[in-house]
Amino acid sequence: MNTTHEVFNQASPLVDVNLYTGNRPLRDALSGLAGGAMPALDTAALEAAGAEFGSAAMQRHARLANTHPPVLQTHDRCGRRVDEVEFHPSYHALLGVALRHGLHGAPWSAGPGAHVQRAAAFMLFTEAEPSVLCPVSMSYAVTPALRVHPALHAALSAKLAHTSYDQRFVPIAQKAALTMGMGMTEKQGGSDVRSNTTRAVFDGEDAWGRRYTLTGHKWFLSAPMCDAFLVLAQSAGGLSCFFLPRFRPDGTLNAIAIQRLKHKLGNHANASSEVEFHDAHAWLVGEEGRGVPQILAMGALTRLDCALGTAGLMRQALSLALHHTAQRLAFGKALIAQPLMKNVLADMALESEAATALALRLAVAVDRSEHGADAHEQVMRRLLTPVAKFWICKRGSHFAQEAMECLGGNGYVEEGGQGVMARIYREMPLNSIWEGAGNIMALDLLRALRGADVASALEREFAAARGAHAAFDQTADAVLRQVDGATEEAQTRRLAREVALVLQAALIYRNTQHFGSTTVFDAFCDSRLAQASDVYGLLSARHDLNLLVARAMPADAE
């Protein structure tokens, strides 16, 4: 066919960039959170991760893993039940990179700072591909739940921290590296796990402790090719937590039947399944009747990853929008130079920076509370888990939509997986739903308020920014009054929002002190606390939009 036109004025792919050195807000957040009990992070490792995760090879793997989704094989050619899920090689390549960088169980065997190091790298990997991080996140979160079971913890902890990914579908004893998942929800209950009907019957004792047989189902069992799972089932003593491996200790397949894989809006590289248990062997973790506290210990850490993952996706969506608008010309100049577009981009840059800061602050609370008896960090960990999960994840979908608009029709196009923005948009709602949607987080915030002196802990977090902005002081005072008072359940979402915003403002104030000005802090307080903007692009004329946009540009550091 003859050529009818020349293709021009199209942005080049954002490829082969260092996601760490090119992310100034992330680096400033890590610097702002350092000090005290937090040792210096391994920035060389983060630079190496940023270069690898931003490479063309990783982007190709991400595209292929999403455009060639997992396939369920229930039987072999002879009719034997196998219940095996096959993945594209790029899925395994991505998962291997994630484990090699220690994004799973590695921090639990390292010293102070390891959880923050891992959190920063987890955010960077999310920019490349979030779908494969489901088993990575669950393998990270399982350790606290297993601590109450010395035999299982001794047998599994080193394998859950091993950095050499082993994709083979073989018994645990034959593998050096493991991944683990979880199964809580059933058809009739969803988040109301106390309505679960799966039954557990005592079956004797062995080297792994009290053994049971499980009969029932799970409506969502993500990453079914994990080596084992923590699941909830009703035993004689009530709802209990069980360790459920894919293979029995004798090497035979456990009685876990994968019914089908979920057809999801996004998260296409990851397999989410419906399963049935037919007298499957499982081992009690903790005490009978104490299953919810056991599984919540795992859920609290996967909620951290929901916040980290959404913040990472925000950053990638913003980077794509900035990269596109810097190259795309309209009406005689670059889109990024157009006043309305510049306002939108600057406002999105504020949102992304605030999400990064809050997610990392939660990671610091996890790290410090795991390496000492810091009462303040224990309170902040309990408080920030539902607050960060609620607010950051709630903002994700709106953010992705605005970023997509910056690309126009190009942002809406999938084009065989090359449309990264479309993939991000489809991925965003997942973190808001997974591990408890907004109302579950609001209820958890109410429980957190009953457990400790939250007001004094928050005031300590607010102190440095006091007096720097009138709206900050006013909103901080209002938050403290609500925390000390009796917040009605129907108003808890509002409280979660306001706690998140004031904490984000305080963190931005601390992280940007080296500027010699309060430009970022002032713009955030004006738009989020004083003005309470409901759409992006409403920053007032007095703010330095050029500075806000330049700060967020995905360019390597000088």
Protein backbone atom coordinates (compact mmCIF):
# COMPACT_ATOMS: atom_id res chain seq x y z
CA MET A 1 0.00 0.00 0.00
CA ASN A 2 1.28 3.47 -0.82
CA THR A 3 2.16 5.76 2.06
CA THR A 4 -0.43 8.49 2.49
CA HIS A 5 1.23 10.45 5.27
CA GLU A 6 4.22 10.77 7.55
CA VAL A 7 3.83 9.80 11.21
CA PHE A 8 5.05 12.63 13.40
CA ASN A 9 4.18 14.48 16.62
CA GLN A 10 3.88 11.18 18.49
CA ALA A 11 5.69 10.66 21.81
CA SER A 12 8.46 8.08 21.96
CA PRO A 13 8.12 5.15 24.39
CA LEU A 14 9.22 5.81 27.96
CA VAL A 15 11.84 3.08 28.07
CA ASP A 16 15.28 2.33 29.52
CA VAL A 17 14.95 4.87 32.31
CA ASN A 18 16.16 4.50 35.89
CA LEU A 19 13.00 4.49 37.96
CA TYR A 20 14.91 5.31 41.15
CA THR A 21 17.35 8.05 40.16
CA GLY A 22 14.65 9.67 38.05
CA ASN A 23 12.18 9.84 40.96
CA ARG A 24 13.12 12.86 43.06
CA PRO A 25 10.06 12.73 45.36
CA LEU A 26 10.84 9.11 46.26
CA ARG A 27 14.47 9.89 47.02
CA ASP A 28 13.47 12.91 49.11
CA ALA A 29 10.91 10.83 51.02
CA LEU A 30 13.54 8.22 51.85
CA SER A 31 15.95 10.94 52.99
CA GLY A 32 13.26 12.59 55.10
CA LEU A 33 12.40 9.33 56.84
CA ALA A 34 16.03 8.43 57.57
CA GLY A 35 17.72 9.09 60.88
CA GLY A 36 17.12 7.99 64.44
CA ALA A 37 16.55 4.25 64.54
CA MET A 38 16.52 4.05 60.74
CA PRO A 39 19.93 3.19 59.23
CA ALA A 40 21.04 4.44 55.84
CA LEU A 41 19.51 2.52 52.96
CA ASP A 42 21.46 0.75 50.23
CA THR A 43 20.99 3.35 47.50
CA ALA A 44 23.27 1.44 45.14
CA ALA A 45 20.88 -1.52 45.30
CA LEU A 46 17.93 0.79 44.65
CA GLU A 47 19.73 2.35 41.68
CA ALA A 48 20.40 -1.12 40.28
CA ALA A 49 16.76 -2.08 40.80
CA GLY A 50 15.57 1.16 39.22
CA ALA A 51 17.68 0.55 36.12
CA GLU A 52 16.55 -3.06 35.70
CA PHE A 53 12.86 -2.41 36.42
CA GLY A 54 12.80 0.51 33.95
CA SER A 55 14.49 -1.45 31.18
CA ALA A 56 13.02 -2.33 27.80
CA ALA A 57 13.39 -6.02 28.67
CA MET A 58 11.15 -5.66 31.73
CA GLN A 59 8.56 -3.76 29.73
CA ARG A 60 8.52 -6.50 27.10
CA HIS A 61 8.06 -9.16 29.80
CA ALA A 62 5.24 -7.12 31.33
CA ARG A 63 3.48 -6.83 27.99
CA LEU A 64 3.80 -10.53 27.19
CA ALA A 65 2.77 -11.70 30.67
CA ASN A 66 -0.42 -9.63 30.40
CA THR A 67 -1.32 -10.43 26.80
CA HIS A 68 -0.73 -14.18 27.30
CA PRO A 69 -2.66 -14.82 30.54
CA PRO A 70 -2.42 -18.00 32.62
CA VAL A 71 -4.20 -21.15 31.47
CA LEU A 72 -5.69 -23.81 33.76
CA GLN A 73 -4.97 -27.47 33.06
CA THR A 74 -7.30 -29.56 35.25
CA HIS A 75 -6.29 -32.98 33.86
CA ASP A 76 -3.42 -34.57 32.00
CA ARG A 77 -3.90 -36.43 28.70
CA CYS A 78 -4.57 -39.68 30.54
CA GLY A 79 -7.40 -38.21 32.60
CA ARG A 80 -5.54 -37.76 35.85
CA ARG A 81 -6.37 -34.67 37.90
CA VAL A 82 -3.38 -32.26 37.92
CA ASP A 83 -4.88 -28.81 38.72
CA GLU A 84 -1.91 -26.94 37.30
CA VAL A 85 -1.82 -23.39 35.95
CA GLU A 86 0.53 -22.65 33.05
CA PHE A 87 2.10 -19.21 32.63
CA HIS A 88 3.90 -17.47 29.81
CA PRO A 89 7.71 -17.55 30.29
CA SER A 90 7.67 -13.78 30.84
CA TYR A 91 5.62 -14.27 34.01
CA HIS A 92 8.32 -16.52 35.43
CA ALA A 93 11.03 -14.08 34.31
CA LEU A 94 9.33 -11.22 36.15
CA LEU A 95 8.74 -13.28 39.28
CA GLY A 96 12.38 -14.34 39.24
CA VAL A 97 13.50 -10.70 39.15
CA ALA A 98 11.20 -9.81 42.06
CA LEU A 99 12.60 -12.59 44.24
CA ARG A 100 16.19 -11.84 43.26
CA HIS A 101 15.71 -8.30 44.58
CA GLY A 102 14.29 -9.62 47.86
CA LEU A 103 10.74 -8.30 47.50
CA HIS A 104 9.25 -11.35 49.24
CA GLY A 105 10.37 -12.75 52.61
CA ALA A 106 13.95 -11.46 52.59
CA PRO A 107 13.45 -8.49 55.01
CA TRP A 108 12.48 -10.76 57.91
CA SER A 109 15.98 -12.21 58.12
CA ALA A 110 17.74 -8.84 57.70
CA GLY A 111 18.37 -5.99 60.12
CA PRO A 112 16.75 -2.59 60.71
CA GLY A 113 15.85 -0.71 57.54
CA ALA A 114 15.23 -3.85 55.47
CA HIS A 115 11.46 -3.36 55.34
CA VAL A 116 11.86 0.22 54.11
CA GLN A 117 14.46 -0.85 51.54
CA ARG A 118 12.07 -3.51 50.36
CA ALA A 119 9.14 -1.05 50.29
CA ALA A 120 11.01 1.35 48.00
CA ALA A 121 12.02 -1.46 45.65
CA PHE A 122 8.47 -2.85 45.70
CA MET A 123 7.15 0.52 44.53
CA LEU A 124 9.72 0.63 41.74
CA PHE A 125 8.83 -2.87 40.56
CA THR A 126 5.14 -1.97 40.54
CA GLU A 127 5.90 0.69 37.95
CA ALA A 128 7.10 -2.08 35.66
CA GLU A 129 4.45 -4.75 36.34
CA PRO A 130 2.14 -5.15 39.37
CA SER A 131 0.30 -8.37 38.45
CA VAL A 132 3.07 -10.80 39.37
CA LEU A 133 3.50 -9.19 42.79
CA CYS A 134 0.48 -10.96 44.28
CA PRO A 135 2.42 -14.10 45.34
CA VAL A 136 5.42 -11.91 46.22
CA SER A 137 3.34 -9.78 48.58
CA MET A 138 1.68 -12.77 50.25
CA SER A 139 5.03 -14.52 50.70
CA TYR A 140 6.30 -11.37 52.43
CA ALA A 141 3.26 -11.13 54.69
CA VAL A 142 3.04 -14.75 55.83
CA THR A 143 5.95 -14.69 58.31
CA PRO A 144 4.18 -13.02 61.27
CA ALA A 145 1.36 -15.55 61.06
CA LEU A 146 3.79 -18.49 60.96
CA ARG A 147 5.76 -17.29 63.99
CA VAL A 148 3.17 -18.86 66.29
CA HIS A 149 3.94 -22.28 64.77
CA PRO A 150 7.62 -23.04 65.53
CA ALA A 151 7.76 -26.24 63.46
CA LEU A 152 6.37 -24.67 60.30
CA HIS A 153 8.34 -21.47 60.80
CA ALA A 154 11.58 -23.43 61.13
CA ALA A 155 10.79 -25.51 58.04
CA LEU A 156 9.67 -22.65 55.80
CA SER A 157 11.21 -19.30 56.80
CA ALA A 158 14.53 -19.76 54.98
CA LYS A 159 12.77 -21.00 51.84
CA LEU A 160 10.38 -18.04 51.89
CA ALA A 161 13.38 -15.68 51.97
CA HIS A 162 15.41 -17.49 49.30
CA THR A 163 16.18 -15.26 46.32
CA SER A 164 16.37 -17.97 43.63
CA TYR A 165 12.91 -18.46 42.15
CA ASP A 166 11.93 -22.09 41.53
CA GLN A 167 8.90 -22.42 39.25
CA ARG A 168 8.71 -26.21 39.41
CA PHE A 169 5.46 -27.78 40.57
CA VAL A 170 7.00 -30.20 43.08
CA PRO A 171 6.72 -30.85 46.85
CA ILE A 172 8.12 -28.36 49.35
CA ALA A 173 10.93 -30.70 50.40
CA GLN A 174 12.39 -30.58 46.88
CA LYS A 175 12.53 -26.77 46.64
CA ALA A 176 14.95 -24.19 48.06
CA ALA A 177 12.59 -21.27 47.41
CA LEU A 178 8.86 -21.12 48.11
CA THR A 179 5.95 -18.78 47.58
CA MET A 180 2.79 -18.71 49.69
CA GLY A 181 -0.73 -17.43 49.22
CA MET A 182 -3.91 -17.08 51.23
CA GLY A 183 -7.57 -18.07 50.99
CA MET A 184 -10.18 -16.41 53.17
CA THR A 185 -13.33 -15.47 51.27
CA GLU A 186 -16.16 -17.77 50.30
CA LYS A 187 -19.19 -17.24 48.05
CA GLN A 188 -21.64 -16.49 50.82
CA GLY A 189 -19.53 -14.17 52.96
CA GLY A 190 -16.85 -12.13 51.23
CA SER A 191 -15.24 -9.98 53.92
CA ASP A 192 -17.54 -11.56 56.52
CA VAL A 193 -15.23 -14.53 57.00
CA ARG A 194 -17.03 -15.67 60.15
CA SER A 195 -19.76 -16.96 57.85
CA ASN A 196 -17.29 -19.38 56.20
CA THR A 197 -18.58 -22.94 55.86
CA THR A 198 -15.39 -24.87 54.97
CA ARG A 199 -15.04 -27.61 57.61
CA ALA A 200 -11.84 -28.84 59.28
CA VAL A 201 -11.78 -32.26 60.96
CA PHE A 202 -8.90 -33.34 63.22
CA ASP A 203 -6.83 -36.09 61.58
CA GLY A 204 -3.86 -36.70 63.92
CA GLU A 205 -0.42 -35.21 64.61
CA ASP A 206 2.92 -35.33 62.80
CA ALA A 207 6.12 -33.30 62.45
CA TRP A 208 4.15 -30.24 61.33
CA GLY A 209 1.78 -30.42 64.30
CA ARG A 210 -1.99 -30.94 64.45
CA ARG A 211 -3.23 -32.19 61.08
CA TYR A 212 -6.78 -31.73 59.79
CA THR A 213 -8.76 -32.55 56.67
CA LEU A 214 -10.55 -29.64 54.98
CA THR A 215 -13.74 -29.88 52.95
CA GLY A 216 -15.29 -26.82 51.33
CA HIS A 217 -14.38 -24.03 48.92
CA LYS A 218 -12.74 -20.64 48.46
CA TRP A 219 -14.30 -18.08 46.12
CA PHE A 220 -10.98 -16.29 45.66
CA LEU A 221 -7.64 -18.07 45.92
CA SER A 222 -5.07 -15.89 44.19
CA ALA A 223 -1.85 -17.27 42.77
CA PRO A 224 -2.95 -20.94 42.99
CA MET A 225 0.50 -22.14 41.90
CA CYS A 226 2.00 -21.03 45.20
CA ASP A 227 3.52 -23.86 47.16
CA ALA A 228 1.16 -23.43 50.12
CA PHE A 229 -1.57 -21.20 51.53
CA LEU A 230 -2.97 -19.93 54.78
CA VAL A 231 -6.72 -20.53 54.79
CA LEU A 232 -9.63 -20.20 57.19
CA ALA A 233 -11.94 -23.09 58.08
CA GLN A 234 -14.41 -24.01 60.81
CA SER A 235 -12.98 -26.53 63.28
CA ALA A 236 -14.50 -27.85 66.51
CA GLY A 237 -13.10 -24.82 68.33
CA GLY A 238 -14.39 -22.24 65.84
CA LEU A 239 -12.95 -20.40 62.84
CA SER A 240 -9.27 -21.35 62.66
CA CYS A 241 -6.20 -20.74 60.49
CA PHE A 242 -4.58 -23.60 58.59
CA PHE A 243 -1.43 -24.19 56.54
CA LEU A 244 -2.50 -25.85 53.29
CA PRO A 245 0.27 -27.11 50.92
CA ARG A 246 -0.26 -28.06 47.26
CA PHE A 247 1.53 -31.38 47.97
CA ARG A 248 1.24 -33.59 51.04
CA PRO A 249 4.48 -34.45 52.87
CA ASP A 250 4.49 -37.88 51.19
CA GLY A 251 4.82 -36.17 47.79
CA THR A 252 1.27 -36.78 46.54
CA LEU A 253 -0.95 -33.96 45.32
CA ASN A 254 -3.16 -32.49 47.99
CA ALA A 255 -6.92 -32.58 47.39
CA ILE A 256 -7.23 -29.02 46.07
CA ALA A 257 -9.36 -28.85 42.94
CA ILE A 258 -9.08 -25.66 40.89
CA GLN A 259 -12.54 -25.09 39.47
CA ARG A 260 -11.73 -22.20 37.17
CA LEU A 261 -9.64 -19.03 36.83
CA LYS A 262 -11.32 -15.66 37.32
CA HIS A 263 -11.91 -13.49 34.26
CA LYS A 264 -10.92 -10.11 35.74
CA LEU A 265 -10.98 -6.48 34.67
CA GLY A 266 -7.21 -6.24 35.05
CA ASN A 267 -4.38 -8.04 36.84
CA HIS A 268 -4.25 -10.33 33.83
CA ALA A 269 -0.81 -11.86 34.38
CA ASN A 270 -1.84 -13.16 37.79
CA ALA A 271 -4.03 -16.24 38.18
CA SER A 272 -6.96 -15.82 40.57
CA SER A 273 -8.95 -18.98 41.09
CA GLU A 274 -11.98 -20.66 42.60
CA VAL A 275 -11.09 -23.87 44.41
CA GLU A 276 -12.70 -26.76 46.26
CA PHE A 277 -11.16 -28.88 49.01
CA HIS A 278 -12.02 -32.59 49.20
CA ASP A 279 -10.55 -33.80 52.52
CA ALA A 280 -7.41 -31.77 51.80
CA HIS A 281 -4.65 -32.09 54.39
CA ALA A 282 -3.88 -28.93 56.38
CA TRP A 283 -2.10 -28.07 59.62
CA LEU A 284 -3.43 -25.83 62.39
CA VAL A 285 -1.63 -22.48 62.79
CA GLY A 286 -2.11 -20.97 66.25
CA GLU A 287 -5.04 -21.89 68.46
CA GLU A 288 -8.39 -23.25 67.35
CA GLY A 289 -10.97 -20.49 67.13
CA ARG A 290 -8.28 -17.82 66.69
CA GLY A 291 -8.12 -17.89 62.91
CA VAL A 292 -9.11 -14.29 62.29
CA PRO A 293 -6.29 -12.75 64.38
CA GLN A 294 -3.81 -15.08 62.69
CA ILE A 295 -4.88 -14.19 59.17
CA LEU A 296 -5.14 -10.48 60.02
CA ALA A 297 -1.44 -10.49 60.91
CA MET A 298 -0.85 -11.43 57.28
CA GLY A 299 -3.54 -9.08 55.96
CA ALA A 300 -2.04 -6.04 57.69
CA LEU A 301 1.16 -6.45 55.68
CA THR A 302 -0.57 -7.07 52.37
CA ARG A 303 -2.48 -3.84 53.06
CA LEU A 304 0.88 -2.09 53.28
CA ASP A 305 1.65 -3.49 49.83
CA CYS A 306 -1.69 -2.25 48.50
CA ALA A 307 -0.67 1.28 49.49
CA LEU A 308 2.87 0.88 48.14
CA GLY A 309 1.61 -0.66 44.91
CA THR A 310 -0.93 2.07 44.24
CA ALA A 311 1.66 4.76 44.93
CA GLY A 312 3.98 3.05 42.45
CA LEU A 313 1.26 2.88 39.80
CA MET A 314 0.49 6.58 40.38
CA ARG A 315 4.13 7.42 39.80
CA GLN A 316 4.27 5.44 36.54
CA ALA A 317 1.01 6.97 35.28
CA LEU A 318 2.35 10.44 36.08
CA SER A 319 5.66 9.69 34.38
CA LEU A 320 3.87 8.56 31.23
CA ALA A 321 1.73 11.70 31.26
CA LEU A 322 4.74 13.97 31.75
CA HIS A 323 6.77 12.17 29.09
CA HIS A 324 3.92 12.34 26.56
CA THR A 325 2.99 15.98 27.13
CA ALA A 326 6.61 17.10 26.94
CA GLN A 327 6.83 15.73 23.38
CA ARG A 328 3.34 16.19 22.03
CA LEU A 329 2.71 19.55 20.31
CA ALA A 330 -0.70 21.23 20.21
CA PHE A 331 -1.61 24.72 19.07
CA GLY A 332 1.99 25.63 18.44
CA LYS A 333 3.69 24.43 21.64
CA ALA A 334 4.22 21.39 23.79
CA LEU A 335 1.19 20.21 25.77
CA ILE A 336 3.19 20.47 28.98
CA ALA A 337 3.59 24.20 28.37
CA GLN A 338 -0.14 24.80 27.94
CA PRO A 339 -1.43 26.52 31.13
CA LEU A 340 -4.36 24.16 31.77
CA MET A 341 -2.30 21.04 31.17
CA LYS A 342 0.52 22.36 33.34
CA ASN A 343 -1.94 22.89 36.20
CA VAL A 344 -3.27 19.35 35.88
CA LEU A 345 0.22 17.84 35.79
CA ALA A 346 1.40 19.89 38.76
CA ASP A 347 -1.65 18.85 40.77
CA MET A 348 -1.11 15.20 39.89
CA ALA A 349 2.53 15.55 40.90
CA LEU A 350 1.38 16.68 44.36
CA GLU A 351 -0.92 13.67 44.66
CA SER A 352 1.77 11.22 43.61
CA GLU A 353 4.34 12.68 45.99
CA ALA A 354 1.88 12.61 48.88
CA ALA A 355 0.98 8.97 48.19
CA THR A 356 4.65 7.98 48.07
CA ALA A 357 5.38 9.75 51.35
CA LEU A 358 2.46 8.21 53.24
CA ALA A 359 3.08 4.66 51.98
CA LEU A 360 6.75 4.86 52.97
CA ARG A 361 5.85 6.27 56.39
CA LEU A 362 3.80 3.13 57.01
CA ALA A 363 6.76 1.00 55.90
CA VAL A 364 8.95 2.83 58.44
CA ALA A 365 6.42 2.10 61.18
CA VAL A 366 6.48 -1.58 60.24
CA ASP A 367 10.29 -1.64 60.23
CA ARG A 368 10.76 0.16 63.54
CA SER A 369 8.07 -1.80 65.35
CA GLU A 370 9.64 -5.05 64.14
CA HIS A 371 13.06 -4.06 65.47
CA GLY A 372 12.26 -2.74 68.92
CA ALA A 373 9.56 -1.82 71.41
CA ASP A 374 8.96 1.69 70.08
CA ALA A 375 5.48 2.43 71.44
CA HIS A 376 4.98 5.39 69.10
CA GLU A 377 5.73 3.33 66.00
CA GLN A 378 3.43 0.56 67.18
CA VAL A 379 0.59 3.09 67.41
CA MET A 380 1.43 4.57 64.01
CA ARG A 381 1.60 1.14 62.40
CA ARG A 382 -1.83 0.23 63.70
CA LEU A 383 -3.30 3.59 62.69
CA LEU A 384 -1.61 4.05 59.33
CA THR A 385 -2.40 0.60 57.96
CA PRO A 386 -6.13 1.27 57.39
CA VAL A 387 -5.62 5.01 56.72
CA ALA A 388 -2.97 4.57 54.01
CA LYS A 389 -4.76 1.59 52.45
CA PHE A 390 -8.05 3.51 52.37
CA TRP A 391 -6.88 6.87 51.04
CA ILE A 392 -4.07 6.04 48.64
CA CYS A 393 -5.99 3.20 47.01
CA LYS A 394 -9.18 5.26 46.88
CA ARG A 395 -7.34 7.97 44.94
CA GLY A 396 -5.74 5.57 42.48
CA SER A 397 -8.52 5.10 39.93
CA HIS A 398 -9.32 8.82 39.67
CA PHE A 399 -5.60 9.54 39.28
CA ALA A 400 -5.22 6.98 36.48
CA GLN A 401 -8.21 8.41 34.63
CA GLU A 402 -6.72 11.92 34.73
CA ALA A 403 -3.35 10.61 33.56
CA MET A 404 -5.07 8.79 30.71
CA GLU A 405 -6.76 12.05 29.64
CA CYS A 406 -3.31 13.65 29.35
CA LEU A 407 -2.57 11.14 26.58
CA GLY A 408 -5.98 11.51 24.99
CA GLY A 409 -7.09 8.64 22.76
CA ASN A 410 -3.59 7.16 22.80
CA GLY A 411 -3.98 6.55 26.53
CA TYR A 412 -7.18 4.56 26.02
CA VAL A 413 -5.70 2.21 23.43
CA GLU A 414 -4.42 -1.22 24.47
CA GLU A 415 -2.62 -2.08 21.18
CA GLY A 416 -1.51 -5.61 22.05
CA GLY A 417 -0.34 -4.67 25.52
CA GLN A 418 1.74 -1.70 24.40
CA GLY A 419 -0.79 0.68 25.94
CA VAL A 420 0.74 0.80 29.41
CA MET A 421 -1.61 3.54 30.60
CA ALA A 422 -4.66 1.41 29.81
CA ARG A 423 -3.13 -1.46 31.77
CA ILE A 424 -2.53 0.82 34.75
CA TYR A 425 -6.11 2.08 34.59
CA ARG A 426 -7.48 -1.47 34.69
CA GLU A 427 -5.13 -2.39 37.52
CA MET A 428 -5.93 0.52 39.83
CA PRO A 429 -9.23 -0.68 41.37
CA LEU A 430 -7.70 -3.96 42.54
CA ASN A 431 -5.67 -2.59 45.45
CA SER A 432 -8.72 -0.70 46.69
CA ILE A 433 -10.75 -3.94 46.78
CA TRP A 434 -8.11 -6.52 47.74
CA GLU A 435 -7.55 -7.04 51.49
CA GLY A 436 -10.65 -5.07 52.42
CA ALA A 437 -12.44 -2.31 50.50
CA GLY A 438 -13.03 1.22 51.80
CA ASN A 439 -15.68 0.42 54.39
CA ILE A 440 -13.61 -2.40 55.88
CA MET A 441 -10.68 0.00 56.25
CA ALA A 442 -12.92 2.63 57.87
CA LEU A 443 -14.15 0.08 60.40
CA ASP A 444 -10.58 -0.99 61.09
CA LEU A 445 -9.67 2.65 61.73
CA LEU A 446 -12.41 2.81 64.37
CA ARG A 447 -10.87 -0.22 66.08
CA ALA A 448 -7.43 1.36 65.93
CA LEU A 449 -8.73 4.48 67.70
CA ARG A 450 -9.79 2.40 70.69
CA GLY A 451 -6.43 0.77 71.27
CA ALA A 452 -4.00 3.53 72.25
CA ASP A 453 -3.43 7.26 72.70
CA VAL A 454 -3.70 8.04 69.01
CA ALA A 455 -4.09 11.79 69.47
CA SER A 456 -0.70 12.26 71.12
CA ALA A 457 0.96 10.06 68.47
CA LEU A 458 -0.57 12.17 65.70
CA GLU A 459 0.40 15.43 67.35
CA ARG A 460 3.99 14.21 67.42
CA GLU A 461 3.75 13.59 63.65
CA PHE A 462 2.18 17.03 63.05
CA ALA A 463 4.55 19.01 65.28
CA ALA A 464 7.24 19.98 62.75
CA ALA A 465 4.73 21.56 60.36
CA ARG A 466 2.78 23.45 63.01
CA GLY A 467 2.57 27.17 62.24
CA ALA A 468 3.66 26.74 58.62
CA HIS A 469 0.15 27.00 57.12
CA ALA A 470 -3.17 28.10 58.64
CA ALA A 471 -5.21 25.37 56.92
CA PHE A 472 -2.79 22.74 58.19
CA ASP A 473 -3.17 23.86 61.79
CA GLN A 474 -6.94 24.13 61.49
CA THR A 475 -7.38 20.67 59.95
CA ALA A 476 -4.88 19.07 62.33
CA ASP A 477 -6.81 20.45 65.32
CA ALA A 478 -10.09 19.16 63.87
CA VAL A 479 -8.58 15.69 63.35
CA LEU A 480 -7.32 15.54 66.93
CA ARG A 481 -10.75 16.50 68.25
CA GLN A 482 -12.38 13.73 66.21
CA VAL A 483 -9.79 11.19 67.33
CA ASP A 484 -10.35 12.08 70.98
CA GLY A 485 -14.13 12.21 70.58
CA ALA A 486 -16.70 9.62 69.62
CA THR A 487 -16.65 9.29 65.83
CA GLU A 488 -19.83 7.77 64.45
CA GLU A 489 -19.38 4.84 62.11
CA ALA A 490 -21.05 6.65 59.21
CA GLN A 491 -18.45 9.45 59.46
CA THR A 492 -15.35 7.26 59.60
CA ARG A 493 -14.50 7.59 55.92
CA ARG A 494 -14.28 11.34 56.38
CA LEU A 495 -11.97 10.88 59.34
CA ALA A 496 -9.74 8.48 57.38
CA ARG A 497 -9.49 11.04 54.58
CA GLU A 498 -8.60 13.90 56.89
CA VAL A 499 -6.03 11.91 58.90
CA ALA A 500 -4.38 10.88 55.63
CA LEU A 501 -4.30 14.40 54.21
CA VAL A 502 -2.84 16.04 57.32
CA LEU A 503 -0.21 13.31 57.62
CA GLN A 504 0.66 13.70 53.95
CA ALA A 505 1.05 17.44 54.40
CA ALA A 506 3.32 16.98 57.43
CA LEU A 507 5.45 14.45 55.55
CA ILE A 508 5.76 16.73 52.51
CA TYR A 509 6.84 19.58 54.79
CA ARG A 510 9.60 17.42 56.25
CA ASN A 511 10.70 15.85 52.95
CA THR A 512 11.07 19.17 51.08
CA GLN A 513 12.90 21.23 53.70
CA HIS A 514 16.08 21.19 51.63
CA PHE A 515 14.29 23.33 49.04
CA GLY A 516 14.70 26.41 51.19
CA SER A 517 11.02 27.09 50.51
CA THR A 518 7.63 25.59 51.27
CA THR A 519 6.37 25.59 47.68
CA VAL A 520 5.23 21.95 47.58
CA PHE A 521 3.79 22.05 51.10
CA ASP A 522 1.87 25.29 50.49
CA ALA A 523 0.37 24.02 47.25
CA PHE A 524 -0.71 20.79 48.91
CA CYS A 525 -2.28 22.53 51.91
CA ASP A 526 -4.07 25.11 49.76
CA SER A 527 -5.55 22.53 47.39
CA ARG A 528 -6.25 19.61 49.75
CA LEU A 529 -6.94 21.25 53.11
CA ALA A 530 -8.14 24.78 52.42
CA GLN A 531 -9.79 24.39 49.03
CA ALA A 532 -10.60 20.63 49.21
CA SER A 533 -10.46 20.32 45.41
CA ASP A 534 -12.55 17.55 43.89
CA VAL A 535 -10.77 17.44 40.50
CA TYR A 536 -7.18 17.89 39.40
CA GLY A 537 -5.99 21.14 37.88
CA LEU A 538 -7.43 23.69 40.34
CA LEU A 539 -4.15 25.01 41.78
CA SER A 540 -4.21 28.75 42.28
CA ALA A 541 -2.13 31.16 40.20
CA ARG A 542 0.16 31.96 43.14
CA HIS A 543 1.79 28.52 43.07
CA ASP A 544 4.94 27.79 41.06
CA LEU A 545 3.59 25.22 38.63
CA ASN A 546 6.89 25.03 36.75
CA LEU A 547 8.70 23.94 39.90
CA LEU A 548 6.10 21.30 40.74
CA VAL A 549 6.23 19.84 37.24
CA ALA A 550 10.02 19.94 37.02
CA ARG A 551 10.30 18.17 40.37
CA ALA A 552 8.20 15.28 39.09
CA MET A 553 9.79 14.82 35.64
CA PRO A 554 11.04 11.25 35.09
CA ALA A 555 14.59 12.26 34.20
CA ASP A 556 17.71 10.68 35.66
CA ALA A 557 19.33 12.63 38.49
CA GLU A 558 22.31 14.74 37.54
